[in-house]
Amino acid sequence: MTDLSERLVGADRVLAVLAELARHPEGIGLDDMARAMASPKPTVHRALAALRRAGFAAQDGPGRYVLGDEFLRLAFAHHEARPDHLRVQPVLRRLCDRYGETVHYATLDGRWVVYRSKLDPPSGAIRLSSVVGGRNPAHTTAVGKLLLSYVLHTEPEVRDWIGDEPLSTPTDRSIGTPDRLHAELVRTRERGYGVDDQENEPGVACLAVPAFLTSPSVPSGAISISGLAYRTPIQTLVDDLPAIRSIVAGGEGS
């Protein structure tokens, strides 16, 4: 009878083959897989056979192995069922650790943004007053302006969105008119990120980028980095935008 250690080795080998298979969306042949795994072909073939029985691997026409439909079904079902605020946690943690500032994940709800997740740095920074479940005006926040830029494309659409209720101006930098908001949304849409330079709260600057958790073209929400303007000014974050986007994009696929 095979003992426990041998069973674990066998299971580890199957999982290693599965992980290697995932690196080849175009498929991979048995010979190439054996070379990639540095394992004998019969050993790799047995692992692939076990994956095929479970529906986790399949063979295409030319005989190349690909991830099976059952594996993809389980992976996508699990991914879709996870709440957004849990799915973005690793991204928020990496951004928080990198910049030492508060980070948020927020969604759009009418005239407001709702904070679904928040991480504060463990030390060394003043913590912001925002709370999970809290709201702020969309037009005064980086996350709000970014998300609005995806849904309000013309000035008439902006005016309809504003309606009869005037835009609030919590600071002297806040946008308070439809034409200025439209112009800001155009700029935001063109550059692909939103900014709040002390427009929602005096002394606080923020940069936001979209999070595409459910669609490759329509953001499910936005992720922001917020800090004191004198310590982390907007330009500092803009200059580091490639790194921010890389962290967010890497996390969306996890």
Protein backbone atom coordinates (compact mmCIF):
# COMPACT_ATOMS: atom_id res chain seq x y z
CA MET A 1 0.00 0.00 0.00
CA THR A 2 1.25 3.51 -0.79
CA ASP A 3 2.10 5.39 2.41
CA LEU A 4 0.99 8.97 3.22
CA SER A 5 4.27 10.61 2.16
CA GLU A 6 4.12 8.96 -1.27
CA ARG A 7 0.49 10.05 -1.71
CA LEU A 8 1.44 13.61 -0.86
CA VAL A 9 4.32 13.52 -3.33
CA GLY A 10 1.92 12.27 -5.99
CA ALA A 11 -0.62 14.99 -5.20
CA ASP A 12 2.09 17.64 -5.24
CA ARG A 13 3.24 16.40 -8.64
CA VAL A 14 -0.29 16.60 -10.08
CA LEU A 15 -0.67 20.14 -8.75
CA ALA A 16 2.69 21.12 -10.22
CA VAL A 17 1.58 19.80 -13.62
CA LEU A 18 -1.68 21.75 -13.28
CA ALA A 19 0.25 24.95 -12.48
CA GLU A 20 2.55 24.42 -15.46
CA LEU A 21 -0.43 23.75 -17.71
CA ALA A 22 -1.92 27.09 -16.71
CA ARG A 23 1.20 28.82 -18.08
CA HIS A 24 0.40 27.59 -21.60
CA PRO A 25 -3.01 28.90 -22.70
CA GLU A 26 -2.16 27.88 -26.26
CA GLY A 27 -1.61 24.28 -25.10
CA ILE A 28 1.50 22.16 -24.59
CA GLY A 29 2.53 18.70 -25.78
CA LEU A 30 3.58 15.84 -23.54
CA ASP A 31 7.25 16.05 -24.55
CA ASP A 32 7.44 19.77 -23.82
CA MET A 33 5.58 19.34 -20.56
CA ALA A 34 7.99 16.62 -19.44
CA ARG A 35 10.95 18.89 -20.24
CA ALA A 36 9.35 21.82 -18.43
CA MET A 37 8.71 19.64 -15.37
CA ALA A 38 12.11 17.92 -15.59
CA SER A 39 10.23 14.65 -15.07
CA PRO A 40 9.90 11.38 -17.02
CA LYS A 41 7.15 11.32 -19.61
CA PRO A 42 5.28 8.40 -17.97
CA THR A 43 5.16 10.32 -14.69
CA VAL A 44 3.84 13.47 -16.33
CA HIS A 45 1.39 11.45 -18.41
CA ARG A 46 -0.08 9.86 -15.27
CA ALA A 47 -0.53 13.30 -13.72
CA LEU A 48 -2.22 14.59 -16.86
CA ALA A 49 -4.46 11.53 -16.96
CA ALA A 50 -5.59 12.23 -13.38
CA LEU A 51 -6.32 15.86 -14.31
CA ARG A 52 -8.27 14.77 -17.39
CA ARG A 53 -10.42 12.38 -15.32
CA ALA A 54 -11.33 15.31 -13.06
CA GLY A 55 -12.03 17.58 -16.02
CA PHE A 56 -9.13 19.83 -15.05
CA ALA A 57 -7.19 19.11 -18.27
CA ALA A 58 -8.17 18.31 -21.84
CA GLN A 59 -6.53 17.61 -25.20
CA ASP A 60 -7.16 19.69 -28.28
CA GLY A 61 -7.16 18.45 -31.88
CA PRO A 62 -3.36 18.25 -32.32
CA GLY A 63 -3.07 16.42 -28.99
CA ARG A 64 -1.80 19.37 -26.97
CA TYR A 65 -2.93 19.62 -23.36
CA VAL A 66 -4.93 22.62 -22.13
CA LEU A 67 -6.81 23.50 -18.96
CA GLY A 68 -10.13 21.65 -18.86
CA ASP A 69 -13.56 23.23 -18.87
CA GLU A 70 -14.38 21.95 -15.38
CA PHE A 71 -11.33 23.65 -13.89
CA LEU A 72 -12.22 26.91 -15.63
CA ARG A 73 -15.84 26.63 -14.51
CA LEU A 74 -14.83 26.20 -10.88
CA ALA A 75 -12.25 28.97 -11.05
CA PHE A 76 -14.60 31.50 -12.65
CA ALA A 77 -17.50 30.55 -10.38
CA HIS A 78 -15.33 31.03 -7.31
CA HIS A 79 -13.92 34.29 -8.63
CA GLU A 80 -17.36 35.71 -9.40
CA ALA A 81 -18.76 34.65 -6.03
CA ARG A 82 -16.05 36.37 -4.00
CA PRO A 83 -17.12 39.82 -2.80
CA ASP A 84 -15.22 42.65 -4.44
CA HIS A 85 -13.85 43.91 -1.14
CA LEU A 86 -12.17 40.55 -0.54
CA ARG A 87 -10.82 40.25 -4.06
CA VAL A 88 -9.06 43.62 -3.86
CA GLN A 89 -7.51 43.09 -0.43
CA PRO A 90 -4.13 41.84 -1.74
CA VAL A 91 -3.91 44.86 -4.07
CA LEU A 92 -4.76 47.28 -1.28
CA ARG A 93 -2.16 45.68 0.97
CA ARG A 94 0.59 46.03 -1.64
CA LEU A 95 -0.29 49.66 -2.32
CA CYS A 96 -0.53 50.46 1.39
CA ASP A 97 2.85 48.87 2.05
CA ARG A 98 4.48 50.62 -0.91
CA TYR A 99 3.25 54.16 -0.23
CA GLY A 100 2.57 54.13 3.49
CA GLU A 101 -0.78 55.84 2.93
CA THR A 102 -4.46 54.96 3.25
CA VAL A 103 -5.94 53.02 0.33
CA HIS A 104 -9.59 52.47 -0.60
CA TYR A 105 -11.77 50.44 -2.91
CA ALA A 106 -14.99 52.29 -3.75
CA THR A 107 -18.00 51.94 -6.02
CA LEU A 108 -20.39 54.45 -7.54
CA ASP A 109 -23.92 54.81 -6.15
CA GLY A 110 -25.78 57.64 -7.83
CA ARG A 111 -24.27 60.94 -6.71
CA TRP A 112 -22.07 59.20 -4.17
CA VAL A 113 -19.14 56.85 -3.86
CA VAL A 114 -19.35 54.11 -1.26
CA TYR A 115 -16.17 52.80 0.36
CA ARG A 116 -16.23 49.01 0.21
CA SER A 117 -12.79 48.40 1.63
CA LYS A 118 -10.07 50.43 3.33
CA LEU A 119 -6.58 49.81 4.65
CA ASP A 120 -4.61 52.19 6.82
CA PRO A 121 -0.83 52.00 7.19
CA PRO A 122 0.14 50.33 10.48
CA SER A 123 2.18 53.33 11.60
CA GLY A 124 3.87 56.50 10.47
CA ALA A 125 0.89 58.17 8.82
CA ILE A 126 -2.18 60.07 9.96
CA ARG A 127 -5.27 57.92 9.43
CA LEU A 128 -8.08 59.40 7.39
CA SER A 129 -11.65 59.71 8.64
CA SER A 130 -13.21 57.57 5.88
CA VAL A 131 -14.90 54.33 6.97
CA VAL A 132 -16.06 51.19 5.16
CA GLY A 133 -19.66 51.78 4.16
CA GLY A 134 -19.17 55.54 4.32
CA ARG A 135 -20.05 57.89 1.47
CA ASN A 136 -18.62 60.98 -0.18
CA PRO A 137 -19.83 63.09 -3.12
CA ALA A 138 -18.71 61.50 -6.38
CA HIS A 139 -17.76 64.82 -8.01
CA THR A 140 -15.28 65.77 -5.25
CA THR A 141 -13.40 62.46 -5.03
CA ALA A 142 -10.81 60.85 -7.29
CA VAL A 143 -12.67 57.53 -7.31
CA GLY A 144 -15.97 59.25 -8.06
CA LYS A 145 -14.71 61.36 -10.94
CA LEU A 146 -12.97 58.36 -12.45
CA LEU A 147 -16.11 56.21 -12.32
CA LEU A 148 -18.30 59.07 -13.56
CA SER A 149 -16.00 59.48 -16.56
CA TYR A 150 -17.15 56.05 -17.75
CA VAL A 151 -20.86 56.92 -17.67
CA LEU A 152 -21.13 60.67 -18.33
CA HIS A 153 -19.68 61.47 -21.76
CA THR A 154 -21.38 64.73 -22.72
CA GLU A 155 -22.20 67.96 -20.94
CA PRO A 156 -25.99 67.35 -21.26
CA GLU A 157 -25.46 63.98 -19.54
CA VAL A 158 -23.56 65.74 -16.76
CA ARG A 159 -26.35 68.29 -16.36
CA ASP A 160 -28.99 65.57 -16.26
CA TRP A 161 -26.96 63.72 -13.61
CA ILE A 162 -26.70 66.86 -11.49
CA GLY A 163 -30.40 67.65 -11.86
CA ASP A 164 -31.88 70.32 -9.61
CA GLU A 165 -29.58 69.69 -6.67
CA PRO A 166 -26.48 71.95 -6.76
CA LEU A 167 -23.04 70.38 -6.55
CA SER A 168 -21.64 70.58 -3.03
CA THR A 169 -18.28 72.34 -2.57
CA PRO A 170 -16.72 71.12 0.68
CA THR A 171 -13.46 73.01 -0.08
CA ASP A 172 -12.54 76.04 -2.15
CA ARG A 173 -10.99 73.65 -4.69
CA SER A 174 -14.17 71.64 -5.26
CA ILE A 175 -15.86 71.61 -8.67
CA GLY A 176 -19.23 73.35 -8.42
CA THR A 177 -20.54 73.80 -11.97
CA PRO A 178 -21.64 71.40 -14.75
CA ASP A 179 -19.23 72.79 -17.34
CA ARG A 180 -16.22 72.42 -15.04
CA LEU A 181 -17.27 68.91 -14.05
CA HIS A 182 -17.71 67.92 -17.70
CA ALA A 183 -14.25 69.27 -18.56
CA GLU A 184 -12.74 67.38 -15.62
CA LEU A 185 -14.43 64.13 -16.65
CA VAL A 186 -13.07 64.53 -20.19
CA ARG A 187 -9.54 64.95 -18.80
CA THR A 188 -10.03 62.01 -16.47
CA ARG A 189 -11.27 59.76 -19.26
CA GLU A 190 -8.35 60.71 -21.53
CA ARG A 191 -5.63 60.06 -18.95
CA GLY A 192 -7.27 56.99 -17.37
CA TYR A 193 -7.03 58.03 -13.74
CA GLY A 194 -8.79 60.37 -11.34
CA VAL A 195 -7.36 62.95 -8.97
CA ASP A 196 -8.62 64.81 -5.94
CA ASP A 197 -6.23 67.59 -4.98
CA GLN A 198 -7.80 68.76 -1.72
CA GLU A 199 -11.24 68.92 -3.33
CA ASN A 200 -13.04 66.71 -0.83
CA GLU A 201 -11.06 67.43 2.32
CA PRO A 202 -8.52 70.21 2.94
CA GLY A 203 -4.96 68.95 2.98
CA VAL A 204 -5.76 65.52 1.53
CA ALA A 205 -4.70 64.45 -1.98
CA CYS A 206 -5.83 61.31 -3.76
CA LEU A 207 -5.24 59.40 -7.00
CA ALA A 208 -7.56 56.66 -8.27
CA VAL A 209 -7.31 53.99 -10.97
CA PRO A 210 -10.07 51.67 -12.24
CA ALA A 211 -10.54 48.11 -11.01
CA PHE A 212 -11.87 45.70 -13.64
CA LEU A 213 -13.09 42.79 -11.52
CA THR A 214 -16.12 41.75 -13.55
CA SER A 215 -15.55 43.19 -17.03
CA PRO A 216 -12.49 44.04 -19.14
CA SER A 217 -14.03 47.35 -20.23
CA VAL A 218 -16.37 48.56 -17.46
CA PRO A 219 -14.81 49.07 -14.02
CA SER A 220 -16.52 47.44 -11.05
CA GLY A 221 -15.07 50.19 -8.88
CA ALA A 222 -11.94 52.21 -8.32
CA ILE A 223 -8.87 51.88 -6.12
CA SER A 224 -7.34 54.99 -4.60
CA ILE A 225 -4.31 56.10 -2.63
CA SER A 226 -5.00 58.99 -0.26
CA GLY A 227 -2.57 60.94 1.88
CA LEU A 228 -1.68 64.33 3.24
CA ALA A 229 -0.92 66.64 0.33
CA TYR A 230 2.28 68.02 1.85
CA ARG A 231 3.70 64.52 2.30
CA THR A 232 2.34 62.69 -0.74
CA PRO A 233 1.34 65.29 -3.34
CA ILE A 234 -0.62 64.31 -6.43
CA GLN A 235 2.40 64.68 -8.71
CA THR A 236 4.33 62.09 -6.68
CA LEU A 237 1.57 59.56 -7.31
CA VAL A 238 1.20 60.54 -10.97
CA ASP A 239 4.93 60.05 -11.49
CA ASP A 240 4.62 56.55 -10.04
CA LEU A 241 1.49 55.68 -12.04
CA PRO A 242 3.09 52.80 -14.01
CA ALA A 243 3.91 51.00 -10.75
CA ILE A 244 0.41 51.63 -9.36
CA ARG A 245 -1.23 50.29 -12.51
CA SER A 246 1.04 47.25 -12.51
CA ILE A 247 0.11 46.37 -8.92
CA VAL A 248 -3.61 46.78 -9.60
CA ALA A 249 -3.51 44.82 -12.87
CA GLY A 250 -1.57 42.01 -11.22
CA GLY A 251 -4.09 41.76 -8.43
CA GLU A 252 -7.13 41.69 -10.71
CA GLY A 253 -6.00 38.42 -12.19
CA SER A 254 -5.43 36.70 -8.87
